[in-house]
């Protein structure tokens, strides 16, 4: 891993992987191409079709996919984005991968720390009874208030070091019944992890989680192969909670200042509604009052669920 990082090889290949994934998932109909009735052996677009649509040579495009060409200019990237019908998030990801492959971007910093500042724990307490938590870029649950942990039914049964929202979605038996739109939730989860791992493919915090989920979850492996990095997010989520019933909450996620890689997640409900009553119940059922995984020794939580 270290040699790949220093040579830029991982970044070179990640650009090609992304182009390949997007090409194989873009159909001729989507780009206005008329194809014959014969059998196409290639899923999605052929390399020569992408090259033609982007106005570049076939050889140049092949070199991009194989990681042998690492310095496509802005105009080439924009042309490829148009040819592959990339949305804004995917277009930006393509630029970031190209910058990494071309070594325009600086070497990524060490993985962000897991320590949550004391004032953020106070913020979580102040937000009660609204469920709230702090997560890392790899979706580890780093700190929480009672409702923030209880909302994900059964998550409190796992040791604090194992509590990760991606791991929960794919490996916890309650997740598929908690979310009536589980397929939508997991697609967004994988897209977020894919975007993070694409620009820092050797980061230990990301590779460890991804490796585990690839091994344990065929659903995750299938979505990971698609290489989706964008998509709209719902502001409202419905939970079929086994202890408080069905509730629909408005969610908000925000980047925290001076805490690289950490985000605050908050859920709210209109006071006086049944959803708010359910939130009040959530705030009372969590068995874990500490609100921070850092209270548990590092060495106690290496076993996976």
Protein backbone atom coordinates (compact mmCIF):
# COMPACT_ATOMS: atom_id res chain seq x y z
CA UNK A 1 0.00 0.00 0.00
CA UNK A 2 2.75 2.44 0.92
CA UNK A 3 4.57 2.05 -2.40
CA UNK A 4 1.34 2.65 -4.30
CA UNK A 5 0.66 5.79 -2.36
CA UNK A 6 4.09 7.26 -3.00
CA UNK A 7 4.06 6.47 -6.68
CA UNK A 8 0.51 7.69 -7.31
CA UNK A 9 -0.41 4.31 -8.78
CA UNK A 10 -3.59 3.94 -6.73
CA UNK A 11 -4.83 7.32 -7.88
CA UNK A 12 -4.05 6.47 -11.52
CA UNK A 13 -6.08 3.26 -11.38
CA UNK A 14 -8.96 4.84 -9.46
CA UNK A 15 -9.57 7.29 -12.32
CA UNK A 16 -9.75 4.39 -14.77
CA UNK A 17 -12.02 2.37 -12.52
CA UNK A 18 -14.46 5.25 -12.27
CA UNK A 19 -14.54 5.81 -16.02
CA UNK A 20 -15.03 2.09 -16.64
CA UNK A 21 -17.87 1.87 -14.13
CA UNK A 22 -19.69 4.87 -15.53
CA UNK A 23 -19.20 3.66 -19.13
CA UNK A 24 -20.62 0.20 -18.48
CA UNK A 25 -23.69 1.70 -16.77
CA UNK A 26 -24.48 4.25 -19.50
CA UNK A 27 -26.67 2.82 -22.25
CA UNK A 28 -26.66 3.87 -25.91
CA UNK A 29 -30.25 5.08 -25.52
CA UNK A 30 -29.21 7.46 -22.74
CA UNK A 31 -26.73 9.23 -25.02
CA UNK A 32 -28.87 9.15 -28.15
CA UNK A 33 -27.02 6.42 -30.02
CA UNK A 34 -28.85 4.12 -32.39
CA UNK A 35 -27.65 0.53 -32.21
CA UNK A 36 -28.42 -2.46 -34.38
CA UNK A 37 -30.43 -5.47 -33.35
CA UNK A 38 -27.37 -7.67 -32.89
CA UNK A 39 -26.14 -8.81 -29.49
CA UNK A 40 -23.80 -6.35 -27.72
CA UNK A 41 -21.13 -8.15 -25.72
CA UNK A 42 -20.24 -4.99 -23.79
CA UNK A 43 -22.64 -3.75 -21.08
CA UNK A 44 -23.31 -0.08 -21.53
CA UNK A 45 -21.19 1.91 -23.97
CA UNK A 46 -18.15 0.67 -25.85
CA UNK A 47 -14.86 2.51 -25.38
CA UNK A 48 -14.93 3.78 -28.96
CA UNK A 49 -18.42 5.18 -28.42
CA UNK A 50 -17.31 7.16 -25.38
CA UNK A 51 -14.27 8.42 -27.26
CA UNK A 52 -16.41 9.55 -30.19
CA UNK A 53 -18.93 11.28 -27.95
CA UNK A 54 -16.14 13.06 -26.06
CA UNK A 55 -14.22 14.01 -29.21
CA UNK A 56 -11.02 12.24 -28.24
CA UNK A 57 -9.12 9.36 -29.82
CA UNK A 58 -9.96 5.78 -28.91
CA UNK A 59 -6.34 5.11 -27.97
CA UNK A 60 -6.33 8.08 -25.58
CA UNK A 61 -9.51 6.93 -23.89
CA UNK A 62 -8.22 3.36 -23.53
CA UNK A 63 -5.08 4.72 -21.90
CA UNK A 64 -7.22 6.67 -19.44
CA UNK A 65 -9.18 3.59 -18.41
CA UNK A 66 -5.99 1.55 -18.03
CA UNK A 67 -4.28 4.16 -15.87
CA UNK A 68 -1.56 4.84 -18.44
CA UNK A 69 -2.70 8.39 -19.14
CA UNK A 70 -2.91 10.47 -15.97
CA UNK A 71 -3.09 14.08 -17.07
CA UNK A 72 -6.36 14.73 -18.90
CA UNK A 73 -6.98 18.45 -19.20
CA UNK A 74 -10.11 20.24 -17.94
CA UNK A 75 -11.68 20.30 -21.40
CA UNK A 76 -11.23 16.52 -21.74
CA UNK A 77 -12.76 15.93 -18.32
CA UNK A 78 -15.73 18.14 -19.17
CA UNK A 79 -16.19 16.31 -22.49
CA UNK A 80 -16.09 12.93 -20.74
CA UNK A 81 -18.61 14.15 -18.17
CA UNK A 82 -20.97 15.16 -20.95
CA UNK A 83 -20.43 11.92 -22.85
CA UNK A 84 -21.14 9.79 -19.78
CA UNK A 85 -24.02 12.00 -18.59
CA UNK A 86 -22.40 12.61 -15.20
CA UNK A 87 -24.32 14.63 -12.64
CA UNK A 88 -22.66 17.45 -10.70
CA UNK A 89 -21.38 15.21 -7.90
CA UNK A 90 -19.97 12.66 -10.34
CA UNK A 91 -18.38 15.40 -12.45
CA UNK A 92 -16.67 16.85 -9.39
CA UNK A 93 -15.48 13.39 -8.36
CA UNK A 94 -13.98 12.89 -11.83
CA UNK A 95 -12.03 16.14 -11.44
CA UNK A 96 -10.77 15.08 -8.00
CA UNK A 97 -9.63 11.69 -9.27
CA UNK A 98 -7.85 13.31 -12.21
CA UNK A 99 -6.11 15.77 -9.91
CA UNK A 100 -4.94 12.92 -7.69
CA UNK A 101 -3.74 10.84 -10.64
CA UNK A 102 -1.88 13.82 -12.10
CA UNK A 103 -0.39 14.60 -8.69
CA UNK A 104 -1.85 18.09 -8.76
CA UNK A 105 -3.51 17.37 -5.44
CA UNK A 106 -1.43 17.19 -2.25
CA UNK A 107 -0.88 13.89 -0.52
CA UNK A 108 -3.92 13.16 1.65
CA UNK A 109 -3.46 13.86 5.37
CA UNK A 110 -3.38 11.09 7.96
CA UNK A 111 -6.78 9.62 8.85
CA UNK A 112 -8.80 12.05 10.98
CA UNK A 113 -8.79 11.49 14.72
CA UNK A 114 -11.65 9.84 16.57
CA UNK A 115 -11.63 12.19 19.55
CA UNK A 116 -14.75 14.32 19.90
CA UNK A 117 -14.22 17.69 21.54
CA UNK A 118 -15.98 18.20 24.91
CA UNK A 119 -18.05 21.15 23.67
CA UNK A 120 -19.52 18.94 20.93
CA UNK A 121 -20.69 16.45 23.54
CA UNK A 122 -22.39 19.38 25.26
CA UNK A 123 -24.03 20.30 21.95
CA UNK A 124 -25.39 16.75 21.66
CA UNK A 125 -26.84 17.01 25.15
CA UNK A 126 -28.38 20.40 24.37
CA UNK A 127 -30.13 18.96 21.30
CA UNK A 128 -32.12 16.46 23.38
CA UNK A 129 -34.66 15.02 22.94
CA UNK A 130 -33.78 15.27 19.25
CA UNK A 131 -31.64 12.32 18.19
CA UNK A 132 -28.11 13.52 17.37
CA UNK A 133 -24.65 12.07 16.92
CA UNK A 134 -21.16 12.74 15.56
CA UNK A 135 -19.78 10.39 12.90
CA UNK A 136 -16.42 10.04 11.17
CA UNK A 137 -15.86 10.11 7.41
CA UNK A 138 -16.07 6.31 7.43
CA UNK A 139 -19.40 6.55 9.32
CA UNK A 140 -18.10 5.39 12.70
CA UNK A 141 -20.35 6.61 15.50
CA UNK A 142 -18.01 8.69 17.66
CA UNK A 143 -20.43 10.39 20.07
CA UNK A 144 -24.19 10.50 20.57
CA UNK A 145 -27.04 11.53 22.80
CA UNK A 146 -29.54 8.90 24.02
CA UNK A 147 -31.95 9.33 21.12
CA UNK A 148 -29.14 9.34 18.57
CA UNK A 149 -28.12 5.84 19.62
CA UNK A 150 -31.61 4.48 20.30
CA UNK A 151 -32.88 5.59 16.87
CA UNK A 152 -30.83 2.82 15.23
CA UNK A 153 -32.57 -0.05 16.98
CA UNK A 154 -30.13 -2.69 18.22
CA UNK A 155 -27.00 -0.64 17.58
CA UNK A 156 -26.46 -0.19 21.32
CA UNK A 157 -26.03 -3.97 21.59
CA UNK A 158 -22.73 -3.70 19.74
CA UNK A 159 -19.58 -2.57 21.57
CA UNK A 160 -18.96 1.15 21.03
CA UNK A 161 -15.93 0.57 18.81
CA UNK A 162 -18.04 -1.47 16.36
CA UNK A 163 -20.81 1.10 16.02
CA UNK A 164 -20.71 2.24 12.43
CA UNK A 165 -23.75 3.30 10.40
CA UNK A 166 -22.60 1.56 7.21
CA UNK A 167 -21.87 -1.65 9.12
CA UNK A 168 -25.29 -1.35 10.76
CA UNK A 169 -27.13 -0.91 7.46
CA UNK A 170 -25.58 -3.99 5.86
CA UNK A 171 -24.89 -6.35 8.76
CA UNK A 172 -27.39 -5.67 11.54
CA UNK A 173 -30.52 -7.84 11.23
CA UNK A 174 -32.82 -4.98 12.31
CA UNK A 175 -31.72 -2.50 9.65
CA UNK A 176 -33.85 -3.88 6.82
CA UNK A 177 -37.03 -3.59 8.87
CA UNK A 178 -36.10 -0.27 10.49
CA UNK A 179 -35.90 1.42 7.07
CA UNK A 180 -38.85 0.82 4.73
CA UNK A 181 -36.65 2.27 1.95
CA UNK A 182 -33.59 0.21 2.88
CA UNK A 183 -32.42 -0.08 -0.74
CA UNK A 184 -32.40 3.70 -1.11
CA UNK A 185 -30.54 4.15 2.17
CA UNK A 186 -27.79 1.67 1.32
CA UNK A 187 -27.25 3.13 -2.16
CA UNK A 188 -26.61 6.54 -0.62
CA UNK A 189 -24.35 5.02 2.03
CA UNK A 190 -22.16 3.23 -0.51
CA UNK A 191 -22.02 6.29 -2.79
CA UNK A 192 -20.70 8.36 0.10
CA UNK A 193 -18.03 5.81 1.00
CA UNK A 194 -17.08 5.40 -2.68
CA UNK A 195 -16.51 9.13 -3.06
CA UNK A 196 -14.32 9.23 0.06
CA UNK A 197 -12.30 6.14 -0.86
CA UNK A 198 -11.85 7.28 -4.46
CA UNK A 199 -9.81 10.33 -3.51
CA UNK A 200 -7.91 8.54 -0.73
CA UNK A 201 -7.88 4.87 -1.79
CA UNK A 202 -5.25 3.70 0.69
CA UNK A 203 -6.66 5.33 3.86
CA UNK A 204 -6.71 2.66 6.61
CA UNK A 205 -10.00 3.81 8.14
CA UNK A 206 -11.75 3.43 4.79
CA UNK A 207 -10.02 0.32 3.47
CA UNK A 208 -10.67 -1.58 6.70
CA UNK A 209 -14.40 -0.94 6.65
CA UNK A 210 -14.77 -1.49 2.91
CA UNK A 211 -12.79 -4.74 3.08
CA UNK A 212 -15.01 -6.04 5.87
CA UNK A 213 -18.24 -5.18 4.06
CA UNK A 214 -17.04 -6.58 0.74
CA UNK A 215 -16.34 -9.86 2.52
CA UNK A 216 -19.53 -10.05 4.59
CA UNK A 217 -22.22 -8.43 2.43
CA UNK A 218 -22.97 -9.40 -1.20
CA UNK A 219 -25.34 -6.41 -1.36
CA UNK A 220 -22.50 -4.06 -0.47
CA UNK A 221 -20.16 -5.72 -2.97
CA UNK A 222 -22.67 -5.33 -5.77
CA UNK A 223 -23.24 -1.63 -5.03
CA UNK A 224 -19.51 -1.00 -4.57
CA UNK A 225 -18.84 -2.33 -8.06
CA UNK A 226 -21.26 0.21 -9.55
CA UNK A 227 -19.04 3.11 -8.36
CA UNK A 228 -21.91 5.53 -7.74
CA UNK A 229 -20.73 8.68 -5.96
CA UNK A 230 -23.70 11.05 -6.16
CA UNK A 231 -27.44 11.19 -5.90
CA UNK A 232 -30.08 13.19 -4.10
CA UNK A 233 -30.60 12.80 -0.36
CA UNK A 234 -33.95 12.82 1.37
CA UNK A 235 -34.38 15.37 4.15
CA UNK A 236 -37.02 13.17 5.76
CA UNK A 237 -36.59 9.58 6.89
CA UNK A 238 -39.18 7.14 8.09
CA UNK A 239 -38.23 4.59 10.74
CA UNK A 240 -40.23 1.49 11.66
CA UNK A 241 -38.84 1.35 15.17
CA UNK A 242 -39.56 -1.82 17.17
CA UNK A 243 -39.91 0.08 20.47
CA UNK A 244 -41.59 3.39 19.63
CA UNK A 245 -43.45 2.59 16.41
CA UNK A 246 -43.38 4.37 13.07
CA UNK A 247 -41.90 7.87 13.05
CA UNK A 248 -40.87 10.28 10.31
CA UNK A 249 -38.10 12.75 11.15
CA UNK A 250 -36.36 15.57 9.34
CA UNK A 251 -32.62 15.01 9.20
CA UNK A 252 -29.72 17.40 8.80
CA UNK A 253 -26.02 16.60 8.43
CA UNK A 254 -23.30 19.23 8.69
CA UNK A 255 -19.51 19.39 8.63
CA UNK A 256 -17.99 20.39 11.95
CA UNK A 257 -15.42 23.18 12.13
CA UNK A 258 -11.87 22.35 13.24
CA UNK A 259 -12.67 18.63 13.36
CA UNK A 260 -11.55 17.17 10.01
CA UNK A 261 -13.64 14.27 8.79
CA UNK A 262 -16.34 14.60 11.45
CA UNK A 263 -20.01 15.42 10.83
CA UNK A 264 -22.94 16.20 13.09
CA UNK A 265 -26.22 14.43 12.35
CA UNK A 266 -29.47 15.74 13.86
CA UNK A 267 -33.11 14.62 13.57
CA UNK A 268 -36.11 16.77 14.50
CA UNK A 269 -39.89 16.44 14.70
CA UNK A 270 -42.58 19.08 15.07
CA UNK A 271 -43.56 19.47 18.77
CA UNK A 272 -47.01 18.16 19.58
CA UNK A 273 -46.99 15.52 16.83
CA UNK A 274 -46.94 11.73 17.24
CA UNK A 275 -43.43 11.77 15.74
CA UNK A 276 -42.26 14.11 18.51
CA UNK A 277 -43.89 11.87 21.13
CA UNK A 278 -41.88 8.96 19.68
CA UNK A 279 -38.71 11.05 19.91
CA UNK A 280 -39.41 11.66 23.60
CA UNK A 281 -39.69 7.90 24.11
CA UNK A 282 -36.43 7.31 22.23
CA UNK A 283 -34.67 9.71 24.55
CA UNK A 284 -35.63 7.53 27.52
CA UNK A 285 -34.89 3.98 26.31
CA UNK A 286 -31.19 4.03 25.48
CA UNK A 287 -29.19 1.89 27.93
CA UNK A 288 -25.89 3.70 27.27
CA UNK A 289 -25.61 7.12 29.02
CA UNK A 290 -21.97 7.90 28.20
CA UNK A 291 -22.43 9.34 24.70
CA UNK A 292 -18.86 8.73 23.58
CA UNK A 293 -17.09 5.66 22.30
CA UNK A 294 -13.75 7.07 23.50
CA UNK A 295 -14.66 6.02 27.03
CA UNK A 296 -13.98 2.41 26.10
CA UNK A 297 -10.41 1.09 25.80
CA UNK A 298 -9.17 0.64 22.23
CA UNK A 299 -8.13 -2.97 22.68
CA UNK A 300 -11.54 -4.23 23.79
CA UNK A 301 -13.34 -3.85 20.46
CA UNK A 302 -11.49 -5.66 17.74
CA UNK A 303 -13.98 -8.49 17.24
CA UNK A 304 -16.47 -7.87 14.44
CA UNK A 305 -20.22 -8.45 14.84
